[in-house]
Amino acid sequence: MLVTINVAVLLAIIIILRLRRRTQARSRFDEKLTVAIVLVFGVLIAPTAFGQGILDVVIQVVQGVSQSGR
C-alpha cells in the first residue's frame, strides 16, 4: 500500500496551525519562517487550477479597485 501526501496540502495545514498561535507568542524567527512557508505554498499552488482561480479573483478585485478610484 502506497500512501502519498500532497506537499501543498501539508503546507496549508502547517500554515493554519502556525497562524492560530497568539501573536505575542511568536518570535521574529517564527514570523520569518511562516513567511517562507507561505511563499513556498504559493509557488506550489500557482500552476494548479486552484492557483489560477485565485489569480483570476485577485486580478478582478484589483481591476475593480483601480477603476473605482478613477
N, C-alpha and C. Protein backbone atom coordinates (compact mmCIF):
# COMPACT_ATOMS: atom_id res chain seq x y z
N MET A 1 0.85 -1.18 0.00
CA MET A 1 0.00 0.00 0.00
C MET A 1 0.89 1.24 0.00
N LEU A 2 0.67 2.12 -0.97
CA LEU A 2 1.47 3.33 -1.12
C LEU A 2 0.63 4.52 -0.69
N VAL A 3 1.16 5.28 0.25
CA VAL A 3 0.47 6.47 0.74
C VAL A 3 1.23 7.69 0.23
N THR A 4 0.52 8.58 -0.44
CA THR A 4 1.14 9.80 -0.92
C THR A 4 0.54 10.98 -0.17
N ILE A 5 1.37 11.97 0.06
CA ILE A 5 0.93 13.19 0.73
C ILE A 5 1.19 14.35 -0.22
N ASN A 6 0.18 15.10 -0.49
CA ASN A 6 0.34 16.28 -1.31
C ASN A 6 1.06 17.34 -0.48
N VAL A 7 2.20 17.82 -0.96
CA VAL A 7 3.01 18.76 -0.20
C VAL A 7 2.27 20.08 0.02
N ALA A 8 1.49 20.51 -0.95
CA ALA A 8 0.74 21.75 -0.81
C ALA A 8 -0.29 21.63 0.31
N VAL A 9 -0.95 20.49 0.41
CA VAL A 9 -1.94 20.29 1.48
C VAL A 9 -1.23 20.25 2.83
N LEU A 10 -0.10 19.60 2.90
CA LEU A 10 0.66 19.55 4.14
C LEU A 10 1.11 20.95 4.56
N LEU A 11 1.59 21.75 3.62
CA LEU A 11 1.98 23.13 3.94
C LEU A 11 0.78 23.97 4.36
N ALA A 12 -0.37 23.76 3.75
CA ALA A 12 -1.57 24.50 4.14
C ALA A 12 -1.94 24.20 5.59
N ILE A 13 -1.84 22.94 5.99
CA ILE A 13 -2.14 22.56 7.37
C ILE A 13 -1.13 23.21 8.32
N ILE A 14 0.14 23.19 7.94
CA ILE A 14 1.18 23.81 8.78
C ILE A 14 0.93 25.31 8.92
N ILE A 15 0.55 25.97 7.83
CA ILE A 15 0.29 27.41 7.86
C ILE A 15 -0.88 27.71 8.80
N ILE A 16 -1.94 26.94 8.69
CA ILE A 16 -3.11 27.16 9.56
C ILE A 16 -2.73 26.99 11.02
N LEU A 17 -1.98 25.94 11.33
CA LEU A 17 -1.57 25.72 12.71
C LEU A 17 -0.65 26.83 13.22
N ARG A 18 0.25 27.31 12.37
CA ARG A 18 1.16 28.38 12.81
C ARG A 18 0.43 29.70 13.00
N LEU A 19 -0.56 29.99 12.17
CA LEU A 19 -1.27 31.26 12.28
C LEU A 19 -2.27 31.28 13.42
N ARG A 20 -2.63 30.12 13.95
CA ARG A 20 -3.56 30.07 15.08
C ARG A 20 -2.90 30.48 16.39
N ARG A 21 -1.56 30.47 16.43
CA ARG A 21 -0.86 30.85 17.65
C ARG A 21 -1.05 32.33 17.94
N ARG A 22 -0.99 32.68 19.20
CA ARG A 22 -1.12 34.09 19.58
C ARG A 22 0.06 34.89 19.04
N THR A 23 -0.19 36.12 18.68
CA THR A 23 0.84 36.98 18.11
C THR A 23 1.96 37.22 19.10
N GLN A 24 1.63 37.38 20.38
CA GLN A 24 2.65 37.66 21.38
C GLN A 24 3.60 36.48 21.57
N ALA A 25 3.15 35.27 21.23
CA ALA A 25 3.97 34.08 21.43
C ALA A 25 4.95 33.84 20.29
N ARG A 26 4.90 34.66 19.25
CA ARG A 26 5.76 34.46 18.08
C ARG A 26 7.03 35.29 18.19
N SER A 27 8.13 34.69 17.85
CA SER A 27 9.39 35.43 17.78
C SER A 27 9.57 35.93 16.34
N ARG A 28 10.58 36.74 16.15
CA ARG A 28 10.85 37.25 14.80
C ARG A 28 11.22 36.11 13.86
N PHE A 29 11.95 35.11 14.37
CA PHE A 29 12.30 33.95 13.55
C PHE A 29 11.05 33.18 13.15
N ASP A 30 10.09 33.02 14.08
CA ASP A 30 8.84 32.32 13.75
C ASP A 30 8.09 33.04 12.64
N GLU A 31 8.07 34.36 12.68
CA GLU A 31 7.37 35.13 11.65
C GLU A 31 8.06 34.96 10.29
N LYS A 32 9.40 34.98 10.29
CA LYS A 32 10.13 34.82 9.03
C LYS A 32 9.92 33.41 8.47
N LEU A 33 9.91 32.41 9.34
CA LEU A 33 9.67 31.04 8.89
C LEU A 33 8.27 30.89 8.31
N THR A 34 7.29 31.52 8.93
CA THR A 34 5.91 31.46 8.42
C THR A 34 5.84 32.11 7.04
N VAL A 35 6.50 33.23 6.85
CA VAL A 35 6.51 33.90 5.54
C VAL A 35 7.16 32.99 4.50
N ALA A 36 8.25 32.34 4.85
CA ALA A 36 8.92 31.44 3.90
C ALA A 36 8.02 30.27 3.53
N ILE A 37 7.33 29.71 4.51
CA ILE A 37 6.42 28.59 4.25
C ILE A 37 5.28 29.03 3.33
N VAL A 38 4.74 30.22 3.57
CA VAL A 38 3.65 30.73 2.74
C VAL A 38 4.14 30.97 1.31
N LEU A 39 5.36 31.47 1.14
CA LEU A 39 5.89 31.67 -0.21
C LEU A 39 6.06 30.35 -0.95
N VAL A 40 6.57 29.34 -0.27
CA VAL A 40 6.71 28.02 -0.90
C VAL A 40 5.34 27.47 -1.26
N PHE A 41 4.36 27.65 -0.37
CA PHE A 41 3.00 27.20 -0.64
C PHE A 41 2.44 27.90 -1.89
N GLY A 42 2.70 29.19 -2.01
CA GLY A 42 2.24 29.93 -3.19
C GLY A 42 2.85 29.42 -4.47
N VAL A 43 4.14 29.10 -4.42
CA VAL A 43 4.81 28.56 -5.61
C VAL A 43 4.24 27.20 -5.98
N LEU A 44 3.90 26.40 -4.97
CA LEU A 44 3.37 25.06 -5.26
C LEU A 44 1.96 25.09 -5.85
N ILE A 45 1.11 26.03 -5.40
CA ILE A 45 -0.26 26.02 -5.92
C ILE A 45 -0.44 26.90 -7.15
N ALA A 46 0.56 27.72 -7.48
CA ALA A 46 0.41 28.65 -8.61
C ALA A 46 0.09 27.96 -9.94
N PRO A 47 0.75 26.86 -10.32
CA PRO A 47 0.44 26.27 -11.62
C PRO A 47 -0.82 25.40 -11.64
N THR A 48 -1.48 25.22 -10.52
CA THR A 48 -2.66 24.37 -10.48
C THR A 48 -3.90 25.17 -10.90
N ALA A 49 -4.97 24.47 -11.14
CA ALA A 49 -6.24 25.13 -11.49
C ALA A 49 -6.74 25.99 -10.33
N PHE A 50 -6.54 25.50 -9.11
CA PHE A 50 -6.94 26.27 -7.92
C PHE A 50 -6.15 27.57 -7.85
N GLY A 51 -4.84 27.50 -8.09
CA GLY A 51 -4.00 28.69 -8.08
C GLY A 51 -4.38 29.68 -9.16
N GLN A 52 -4.73 29.17 -10.34
CA GLN A 52 -5.16 30.05 -11.42
C GLN A 52 -6.49 30.72 -11.09
N GLY A 53 -7.37 30.00 -10.40
CA GLY A 53 -8.64 30.58 -9.97
C GLY A 53 -8.43 31.71 -8.97
N ILE A 54 -7.51 31.50 -8.04
CA ILE A 54 -7.19 32.56 -7.07
C ILE A 54 -6.61 33.77 -7.79
N LEU A 55 -5.72 33.53 -8.76
CA LEU A 55 -5.13 34.62 -9.52
C LEU A 55 -6.20 35.41 -10.27
N ASP A 56 -7.16 34.73 -10.88
CA ASP A 56 -8.24 35.41 -11.59
C ASP A 56 -9.06 36.29 -10.65
N VAL A 57 -9.36 35.77 -9.45
CA VAL A 57 -10.14 36.55 -8.48
C VAL A 57 -9.36 37.78 -8.04
N VAL A 58 -8.08 37.62 -7.77
CA VAL A 58 -7.25 38.76 -7.34
C VAL A 58 -7.17 39.80 -8.45
N ILE A 59 -7.02 39.37 -9.69
CA ILE A 59 -6.97 40.31 -10.82
C ILE A 59 -8.27 41.09 -10.92
N GLN A 60 -9.40 40.41 -10.78
CA GLN A 60 -10.70 41.09 -10.85
C GLN A 60 -10.85 42.10 -9.73
N VAL A 61 -10.43 41.76 -8.53
CA VAL A 61 -10.53 42.69 -7.39
C VAL A 61 -9.65 43.91 -7.62
N VAL A 62 -8.43 43.70 -8.09
CA VAL A 62 -7.51 44.81 -8.33
C VAL A 62 -8.04 45.71 -9.43
N GLN A 63 -8.58 45.13 -10.49
CA GLN A 63 -9.15 45.95 -11.56
C GLN A 63 -10.36 46.74 -11.06
N GLY A 64 -11.18 46.12 -10.23
CA GLY A 64 -12.34 46.83 -9.69
C GLY A 64 -11.93 47.99 -8.79
N VAL A 65 -10.93 47.77 -7.97
CA VAL A 65 -10.45 48.84 -7.09
C VAL A 65 -9.80 49.96 -7.89
N SER A 66 -9.03 49.63 -8.90
CA SER A 66 -8.38 50.67 -9.70
C SER A 66 -9.38 51.46 -10.53
N GLN A 67 -10.44 50.81 -11.00
CA GLN A 67 -11.47 51.52 -11.77
C GLN A 67 -12.33 52.39 -10.88
N SER A 68 -12.56 51.98 -9.64
CA SER A 68 -13.38 52.80 -8.74
C SER A 68 -12.64 54.03 -8.29
N GLY A 69 -11.32 54.03 -8.38
CA GLY A 69 -10.53 55.19 -8.00
C GLY A 69 -10.48 56.26 -9.07
N ARG A 70 -10.96 55.95 -10.26
CA ARG A 70 -10.90 56.93 -11.37
C ARG A 70 -12.08 57.84 -11.38
